[in-house]
Amino acid sequence: MSSILEKYNLKHVINASGRMTALGVSTPLPEVEETVCFGLNNYFEMKDLVNKSGEYIARLLDVENAVVVSSASAGIAQSVAAMIVRGNAYRLEHLHAHAHDVPTEIVIPKGHNVNYGAPVGTMINLGGGRIVEAGWSNECSAAQLGAAINANTAAILYIKSHHCVQKSMLTVEDAAAVAKAHNVPLIVDAAAEEDLRLYYQQGADLVIYSGAKAIEGPTSGLVLGKHEYVEWVKQQTAGIGRAMKVGKEGILGLTHAIELYLERQQESGTAMVEKMAPFINGLNALPGIQSRVVWDNAGRDIARAEVSFDANVFGLSAKDAVTKLQNGNPAVYCRAYKANEGSIEFDVRSVSQEQLQQVLAAMTELNQE
């Protein structure tokens, strides 16, 4: 590892922020690495590989159909395009070139119109859709979602993410009921979610996951759902999907990662709390610091260590501490969404006990500067 870092003059990174795209997301299991290598070193009839891997995943998850794509973002763009093209060969090849006499509006709760590293609206536009917001930034009811639907609605898009406003928002089940009542498809972006069956079972027509987050596969994405709709997503390989194609190694690697993900016991929030206990105690020994366990605000079984700063006592604000941690050696990355409010969080899922001690040492050093 050190030779690679030295060759390209890269910093060693401790990822205490979670499974984040900006840091390379996650580290697949050795068995997945072996499958990726097999994919890299062999040839396949790609259409056959796409279809048969999708059929295998669909059987594993008890859904109608599935397809591996290059990322969750690609999944959004291609799913939107699928709901506009709907199998039409001309629209497939001229998605953005001409106005089409078909529905193109994608209805989304206003509080879900977020930037998760890129704007949701950009992915919708890339897929040929035009975003229509329902409700308000801090609320969206089933009635408000339904009121935004009209004859030009191609689909509803629901973003299940910690990036979104959580309060006063309708559930996936609520959105599914609205979609069914208005006879429009429901697409759920569940990129970082952990349950690969839940949202389909709750009535979503297409569900999108990141392959590299909870599943810990290679860089990839997964789209599952109704058979015909997934086939329309596959069709995008000859359209916008060509610019975001997934490789043979990604298809095989993610398929194996899903299989392993379903078999193994996932680390529980309770286990994370136990893992963090000595770390939190060490943080609380630093002047100007208060640390405690907090739970994922999007409802996932994830516990994190919140750290609140008294800048006058600690000597640094939370924002300044984030910058110095990132500029350290090793570089320490935390969740800094609330740094402007005086607090940060450490996510321990991808951090060893040895690395937690390194993080604590880095925090101690900041306090002593």
Protein backbone atom coordinates (compact mmCIF):
# COMPACT_ATOMS: atom_id res chain seq x y z
CA MET A 1 0.00 0.00 0.00
CA SER A 2 2.76 2.47 0.98
CA SER A 3 4.46 2.04 -2.40
CA ILE A 4 1.26 3.04 -4.23
CA LEU A 5 0.78 6.06 -1.95
CA GLU A 6 4.37 7.11 -2.48
CA LYS A 7 4.29 6.53 -6.25
CA TYR A 8 1.38 8.91 -6.74
CA ASN A 9 2.10 11.14 -3.72
CA LEU A 10 -1.24 10.22 -2.11
CA LYS A 11 -2.21 10.64 1.52
CA HIS A 12 -3.23 7.73 3.71
CA VAL A 13 -6.89 8.30 4.64
CA ILE A 14 -8.84 7.16 7.69
CA ASN A 15 -12.48 7.09 6.64
CA ALA A 16 -14.54 7.98 9.71
CA SER A 17 -17.25 9.63 7.62
CA GLY A 18 -19.04 6.51 6.37
CA ARG A 19 -19.35 4.96 2.95
CA MET A 20 -18.77 8.12 0.99
CA THR A 21 -18.14 8.41 -2.74
CA ALA A 22 -15.58 11.16 -2.11
CA LEU A 23 -13.35 8.64 -0.31
CA GLY A 24 -13.90 5.63 -2.57
CA VAL A 25 -17.01 4.36 -0.74
CA SER A 26 -16.06 0.97 0.76
CA THR A 27 -13.63 -1.95 0.73
CA PRO A 28 -15.03 -5.18 -0.78
CA LEU A 29 -14.39 -8.60 0.75
CA PRO A 30 -11.53 -10.73 -0.64
CA GLU A 31 -14.04 -13.10 -2.26
CA VAL A 32 -15.50 -10.16 -4.20
CA GLU A 33 -12.01 -9.05 -5.24
CA GLU A 34 -11.39 -12.54 -6.66
CA THR A 35 -14.62 -12.39 -8.65
CA VAL A 36 -13.73 -8.93 -9.97
CA CYS A 37 -10.34 -10.28 -11.10
CA PHE A 38 -12.05 -13.21 -12.85
CA GLY A 39 -14.28 -10.75 -14.67
CA LEU A 40 -11.34 -8.60 -15.71
CA ASN A 41 -9.45 -11.54 -17.13
CA ASN A 42 -12.20 -13.24 -19.14
CA TYR A 43 -14.54 -12.46 -22.03
CA PHE A 44 -18.31 -12.76 -22.03
CA GLU A 45 -21.29 -12.24 -24.29
CA MET A 46 -22.21 -9.05 -22.49
CA LYS A 47 -25.95 -9.13 -23.17
CA ASP A 48 -26.02 -12.68 -21.81
CA LEU A 49 -24.02 -11.62 -18.74
CA VAL A 50 -26.35 -8.67 -18.08
CA ASN A 51 -29.49 -10.79 -18.42
CA LYS A 52 -28.35 -13.83 -16.48
CA SER A 53 -26.73 -11.91 -13.64
CA GLY A 54 -29.92 -9.85 -13.37
CA GLU A 55 -32.05 -12.99 -13.29
CA TYR A 56 -29.82 -14.42 -10.56
CA ILE A 57 -30.05 -11.25 -8.44
CA ALA A 58 -33.82 -11.13 -8.97
CA ARG A 59 -34.12 -14.69 -7.61
CA LEU A 60 -31.96 -13.80 -4.60
CA LEU A 61 -34.12 -10.80 -3.76
CA ASP A 62 -37.49 -12.21 -4.82
CA VAL A 63 -38.19 -9.41 -7.31
CA GLU A 64 -39.34 -9.58 -10.93
CA ASN A 65 -36.16 -8.34 -12.56
CA ALA A 66 -32.82 -6.62 -11.87
CA VAL A 67 -29.89 -5.08 -13.71
CA VAL A 68 -26.42 -3.97 -12.63
CA VAL A 69 -25.53 -0.43 -13.70
CA SER A 70 -22.44 1.72 -13.17
CA SER A 71 -23.68 3.67 -10.12
CA ALA A 72 -26.82 4.74 -8.28
CA SER A 73 -26.67 8.08 -10.11
CA ALA A 74 -26.62 6.23 -13.43
CA GLY A 75 -29.56 4.24 -12.10
CA ILE A 76 -31.57 7.44 -11.59
CA ALA A 77 -30.77 8.83 -15.04
CA GLN A 78 -31.46 5.55 -16.83
CA SER A 79 -34.64 4.86 -14.85
CA VAL A 80 -36.00 8.30 -15.73
CA ALA A 81 -35.08 7.77 -19.38
CA ALA A 82 -36.75 4.36 -19.28
CA MET A 83 -40.02 5.91 -18.11
CA ILE A 84 -39.90 8.41 -20.98
CA VAL A 85 -38.63 6.15 -23.78
CA ARG A 86 -40.81 3.19 -22.70
CA GLY A 87 -39.27 0.85 -25.25
CA ASN A 88 -39.62 3.20 -28.24
CA ALA A 89 -36.57 2.87 -30.51
CA TYR A 90 -36.81 6.41 -31.93
CA ARG A 91 -37.08 8.10 -28.54
CA LEU A 92 -34.17 5.97 -27.30
CA GLU A 93 -31.86 7.43 -29.93
CA HIS A 94 -33.26 10.98 -29.83
CA LEU A 95 -33.96 11.44 -26.13
CA HIS A 96 -32.74 15.04 -25.94
CA ALA A 97 -32.82 16.04 -29.58
CA HIS A 98 -36.53 16.67 -30.05
CA ALA A 99 -39.66 17.32 -28.04
CA HIS A 100 -41.61 14.11 -27.64
CA ASP A 101 -45.35 13.87 -27.36
CA VAL A 102 -45.05 11.73 -24.22
CA PRO A 103 -44.97 12.53 -20.48
CA THR A 104 -41.57 13.83 -19.32
CA GLU A 105 -42.23 15.37 -15.90
CA ILE A 106 -40.75 13.69 -12.83
CA VAL A 107 -42.56 14.59 -9.61
CA ILE A 108 -40.40 14.71 -6.50
CA PRO A 109 -41.08 15.99 -2.96
CA LYS A 110 -39.41 19.40 -2.67
CA GLY A 111 -37.48 18.26 0.41
CA HIS A 112 -35.98 15.45 -1.68
CA ASN A 113 -34.52 17.79 -4.30
CA VAL A 114 -31.04 17.62 -2.79
CA ASN A 115 -27.39 17.63 -3.75
CA TYR A 116 -25.93 14.29 -2.62
CA GLY A 117 -22.57 15.01 -4.29
CA ALA A 118 -24.38 16.01 -7.48
CA PRO A 119 -27.88 17.49 -7.83
CA VAL A 120 -30.77 15.05 -8.12
CA GLY A 121 -32.20 17.38 -10.77
CA THR A 122 -29.12 16.92 -12.95
CA MET A 123 -29.70 13.16 -13.09
CA ILE A 124 -33.37 13.71 -13.92
CA ASN A 125 -32.43 16.13 -16.72
CA LEU A 126 -29.79 13.72 -18.00
CA GLY A 127 -32.52 11.11 -18.31
CA GLY A 128 -34.65 13.50 -20.37
CA GLY A 129 -36.97 14.42 -17.52
CA ARG A 130 -38.13 17.75 -16.16
CA ILE A 131 -38.35 18.06 -12.40
CA VAL A 132 -41.64 19.09 -10.76
CA GLU A 133 -41.50 19.71 -7.00
CA ALA A 134 -44.37 18.69 -4.73
CA GLY A 135 -45.10 20.22 -1.35
CA TRP A 136 -42.60 22.40 0.47
CA SER A 137 -39.03 22.11 1.70
CA ASN A 138 -40.19 21.03 5.14
CA GLU A 139 -43.28 18.99 4.28
CA CYS A 140 -44.89 16.84 1.63
CA SER A 141 -48.08 14.90 2.20
CA ALA A 142 -49.68 12.30 -0.04
CA ALA A 143 -52.25 14.92 -1.07
CA GLN A 144 -49.51 17.39 -2.03
CA LEU A 145 -47.68 14.73 -4.02
CA GLY A 146 -50.88 13.78 -5.83
CA ALA A 147 -51.69 17.42 -6.60
CA ALA A 148 -48.42 17.75 -8.58
CA ILE A 149 -49.32 14.88 -10.92
CA ASN A 150 -50.89 15.63 -14.30
CA ALA A 151 -51.13 14.18 -17.79
CA ASN A 152 -47.45 14.99 -18.42
CA THR A 153 -46.17 13.07 -15.40
CA ALA A 154 -43.80 10.26 -16.41
CA ALA A 155 -42.99 9.04 -12.89
CA ILE A 156 -42.66 9.89 -9.21
CA LEU A 157 -39.13 9.89 -7.76
CA TYR A 158 -38.70 9.34 -4.02
CA ILE A 159 -35.24 9.86 -2.51
CA LYS A 160 -34.64 7.74 0.59
CA SER A 161 -31.55 9.40 2.07
CA HIS A 162 -30.14 11.14 5.12
CA HIS A 163 -29.52 14.12 2.81
CA CYS A 164 -33.26 14.73 2.56
CA VAL A 165 -35.61 16.55 4.90
CA GLN A 166 -37.04 13.87 7.18
CA LYS A 167 -39.80 15.63 9.11
CA SER A 168 -43.33 15.91 7.75
CA MET A 169 -42.51 13.80 4.69
CA LEU A 170 -44.72 11.05 3.33
CA THR A 171 -43.36 7.49 3.44
CA VAL A 172 -42.48 5.24 0.53
CA GLU A 173 -45.72 3.36 1.14
CA ASP A 174 -47.65 6.64 0.96
CA ALA A 175 -45.92 7.52 -2.30
CA ALA A 176 -46.66 4.05 -3.68
CA ALA A 177 -50.35 4.50 -2.92
CA VAL A 178 -50.36 7.86 -4.73
CA ALA A 179 -48.54 6.35 -7.71
CA LYS A 180 -51.01 3.49 -7.92
CA ALA A 181 -54.01 5.83 -7.63
CA HIS A 182 -52.71 7.97 -10.52
CA ASN A 183 -51.37 5.04 -12.56
CA VAL A 184 -47.80 6.37 -12.72
CA PRO A 185 -44.63 4.46 -11.82
CA LEU A 186 -42.75 5.09 -8.56
CA ILE A 187 -38.95 5.15 -8.64
CA VAL A 188 -37.18 4.98 -5.26
CA ASP A 189 -33.55 6.01 -4.98
CA ALA A 190 -32.31 4.02 -1.98
CA ALA A 191 -28.61 4.36 -2.75
CA ALA A 192 -27.20 3.89 0.77
CA GLU A 193 -30.07 1.88 2.24
CA GLU A 194 -29.45 -1.57 3.71
CA ASP A 195 -32.66 -3.50 3.04
CA LEU A 196 -32.61 -4.70 -0.58
CA ARG A 197 -36.21 -5.94 -0.54
CA LEU A 198 -38.15 -3.43 1.57
CA TYR A 199 -39.06 -0.67 -0.89
CA TYR A 200 -40.06 -3.05 -3.66
CA GLN A 201 -42.28 -4.83 -1.15
CA GLN A 202 -43.75 -1.46 -0.15
CA GLY A 203 -44.90 -0.85 -3.72
CA ALA A 204 -42.05 0.82 -5.61
CA ASP A 205 -41.87 -0.05 -9.30
CA LEU A 206 -38.11 0.54 -9.58
CA VAL A 207 -35.62 0.71 -6.71
CA ILE A 208 -32.05 1.92 -7.08
CA TYR A 209 -29.10 1.01 -4.82
CA SER A 210 -25.43 1.84 -4.76
CA GLY A 211 -23.38 -1.31 -5.22
CA ALA A 212 -20.46 0.04 -3.21
CA LYS A 213 -22.18 1.37 -0.08
CA ALA A 214 -24.10 -0.99 2.20
CA ILE A 215 -23.49 -3.95 -0.14
CA GLU A 216 -19.71 -3.23 -0.21
CA GLY A 217 -19.27 -4.29 -3.81
CA PRO A 218 -17.17 -2.65 -6.52
CA THR A 219 -18.16 0.72 -7.93
CA SER A 220 -21.57 -0.07 -9.41
CA GLY A 221 -25.30 0.30 -8.94
CA LEU A 222 -28.37 -1.92 -8.91
CA VAL A 223 -31.82 -1.29 -10.37
CA LEU A 224 -34.54 -3.78 -9.48
CA GLY A 225 -38.29 -3.94 -9.83
CA LYS A 226 -41.04 -4.65 -12.32
CA HIS A 227 -39.91 -6.84 -15.21
CA GLU A 228 -40.88 -4.55 -18.09
CA TYR A 229 -39.52 -1.43 -16.43
CA VAL A 230 -36.13 -3.07 -15.78
CA GLU A 231 -36.06 -4.20 -19.42
CA TRP A 232 -36.57 -0.57 -20.41
CA VAL A 233 -33.64 0.39 -18.18
CA LYS A 234 -31.50 -2.25 -19.91
CA GLN A 235 -32.51 -0.75 -23.26
CA GLN A 236 -30.69 2.45 -22.26
CA THR A 237 -27.42 0.64 -22.99
CA ALA A 238 -28.05 1.75 -26.59
CA GLY A 239 -28.94 5.26 -25.44
CA ILE A 240 -27.63 7.43 -22.60
CA GLY A 241 -26.51 4.30 -20.76
CA ARG A 242 -23.66 3.89 -23.25
CA ALA A 243 -21.91 6.82 -21.57
CA MET A 244 -22.23 5.17 -18.16
CA LYS A 245 -21.74 1.51 -18.94
CA VAL A 246 -20.68 -0.91 -16.23
CA GLY A 247 -17.86 -3.34 -16.93
CA LYS A 248 -17.94 -7.13 -16.78
CA GLU A 249 -15.93 -7.01 -13.54
CA GLY A 250 -18.49 -4.69 -11.94
CA ILE A 251 -21.41 -6.90 -12.94
CA LEU A 252 -19.84 -10.08 -11.59
CA GLY A 253 -18.39 -8.36 -8.53
CA LEU A 254 -21.66 -6.79 -7.45
CA THR A 255 -23.63 -9.99 -8.07
CA HIS A 256 -21.26 -11.91 -5.78
CA ALA A 257 -21.25 -9.06 -3.23
CA ILE A 258 -25.06 -9.18 -3.03
CA GLU A 259 -24.96 -12.92 -2.44
CA LEU A 260 -22.43 -12.50 0.40
CA TYR A 261 -24.31 -9.50 1.80
CA LEU A 262 -27.48 -11.55 2.20
CA GLU A 263 -25.58 -14.41 3.88
CA ARG A 264 -23.49 -12.54 6.46
CA GLN A 265 -24.52 -11.01 9.76
CA GLN A 266 -24.47 -7.24 9.45
CA GLU A 267 -22.81 -5.13 12.14
CA SER A 268 -25.57 -3.82 14.39
CA GLY A 269 -25.87 -0.36 15.85
CA THR A 270 -25.45 -1.90 19.29
CA ALA A 271 -22.11 -3.37 18.22
CA MET A 272 -21.07 0.05 16.92
CA VAL A 273 -21.90 1.58 20.30
CA GLU A 274 -19.69 -0.98 22.05
CA LYS A 275 -16.89 -0.36 19.57
CA MET A 276 -17.07 3.40 20.14
CA ALA A 277 -17.24 3.38 23.95
CA PRO A 278 -13.48 3.74 24.68
CA PHE A 279 -13.15 6.27 21.85
CA ILE A 280 -15.98 8.43 23.22
CA ASN A 281 -14.51 8.24 26.73
CA GLY A 282 -11.18 9.42 25.35
CA LEU A 283 -12.80 12.31 23.52
CA ASN A 284 -14.69 13.39 26.63
CA ALA A 285 -11.38 13.65 28.48
CA LEU A 286 -10.36 16.51 26.16
CA PRO A 287 -11.18 20.02 27.40
CA GLY A 288 -13.91 21.76 25.42
CA ILE A 289 -15.26 18.51 23.95
CA GLN A 290 -18.54 16.72 24.62
CA SER A 291 -19.07 13.40 22.85
CA ARG A 292 -22.03 11.04 22.83
CA VAL A 293 -23.69 8.32 20.76
CA VAL A 294 -26.18 9.51 18.13
CA TRP A 295 -28.26 7.45 15.73
CA ASP A 296 -28.66 7.84 11.98
CA ASN A 297 -31.29 10.51 11.31
CA ALA A 298 -32.68 8.60 8.31
CA GLY A 299 -33.67 5.65 10.50
CA ARG A 300 -30.90 3.17 9.63
CA ASP A 301 -29.40 1.01 12.38
CA ILE A 302 -26.19 3.05 12.45
CA ALA A 303 -24.69 4.58 15.58
CA ARG A 304 -22.08 7.34 15.43
CA ALA A 305 -19.98 9.40 17.82
CA GLU A 306 -21.10 13.02 17.89
CA VAL A 307 -18.50 15.55 19.00
CA SER A 308 -19.57 19.02 20.11
CA PHE A 309 -16.96 21.77 20.39
CA ASP A 310 -16.66 24.64 22.84
CA ALA A 311 -14.28 26.59 20.62
CA ASN A 312 -13.22 28.95 23.41
CA VAL A 313 -12.05 26.05 25.56
CA PHE A 314 -10.85 23.59 22.90
CA GLY A 315 -9.07 26.30 20.94
CA LEU A 316 -10.63 25.49 17.56
CA SER A 317 -14.10 25.63 16.07
CA ALA A 318 -15.65 22.48 14.63
CA LYS A 319 -15.11 23.79 11.08
CA ASP A 320 -11.43 24.52 11.74
CA ALA A 321 -11.00 21.09 13.35
CA VAL A 322 -12.46 19.41 10.24
CA THR A 323 -9.97 21.21 8.01
CA LYS A 324 -6.98 20.34 10.20
CA LEU A 325 -8.04 16.69 10.50
CA GLN A 326 -8.30 16.41 6.73
CA ASN A 327 -4.90 18.05 6.28
CA GLY A 328 -3.22 15.71 8.77
CA ASN A 329 -1.14 12.61 8.13
CA PRO A 330 -3.00 10.34 8.00
CA ALA A 331 -5.90 12.45 6.75
CA VAL A 332 -8.93 11.91 8.99
CA TYR A 333 -12.35 12.41 7.44
CA CYS A 334 -15.46 12.78 9.59
CA ARG A 335 -19.07 13.70 8.89
CA ALA A 336 -19.03 17.50 8.82
CA TYR A 337 -22.62 18.29 7.85
CA LYS A 338 -23.23 20.12 11.15
CA ALA A 339 -19.81 21.70 11.57
CA ASN A 340 -21.40 25.12 11.10
CA GLU A 341 -23.51 24.32 14.20
CA GLY A 342 -20.46 23.35 16.24
CA SER A 343 -20.50 19.57 15.98
CA ILE A 344 -19.14 16.73 13.85
CA GLU A 345 -19.69 12.98 13.80
CA PHE A 346 -17.37 9.99 13.50
CA ASP A 347 -18.75 6.91 11.70
CA VAL A 348 -16.92 3.77 12.85
CA ARG A 349 -18.19 1.23 10.31
CA SER A 350 -15.03 1.37 8.19
CA VAL A 351 -12.63 2.15 11.05
CA SER A 352 -10.55 -0.34 13.05
CA GLN A 353 -9.80 0.04 16.77
CA GLU A 354 -6.23 0.96 15.84
CA GLN A 355 -7.53 3.70 13.55
CA LEU A 356 -9.89 4.97 16.26
CA GLN A 357 -6.84 5.45 18.45
CA GLN A 358 -5.19 7.38 15.62
CA VAL A 359 -8.27 9.60 15.34
CA LEU A 360 -8.23 10.20 19.10
CA ALA A 361 -4.51 11.05 18.90
CA ALA A 362 -5.23 13.51 16.08
CA MET A 363 -7.98 15.17 18.13
CA THR A 364 -5.65 15.34 21.15
CA GLU A 365 -2.93 16.94 19.03
CA LEU A 366 -5.38 19.58 17.79
CA ASN A 367 -6.23 20.41 21.38
CA GLN A 368 -2.56 20.87 22.22
CA GLU A 369 -1.67 23.16 19.33
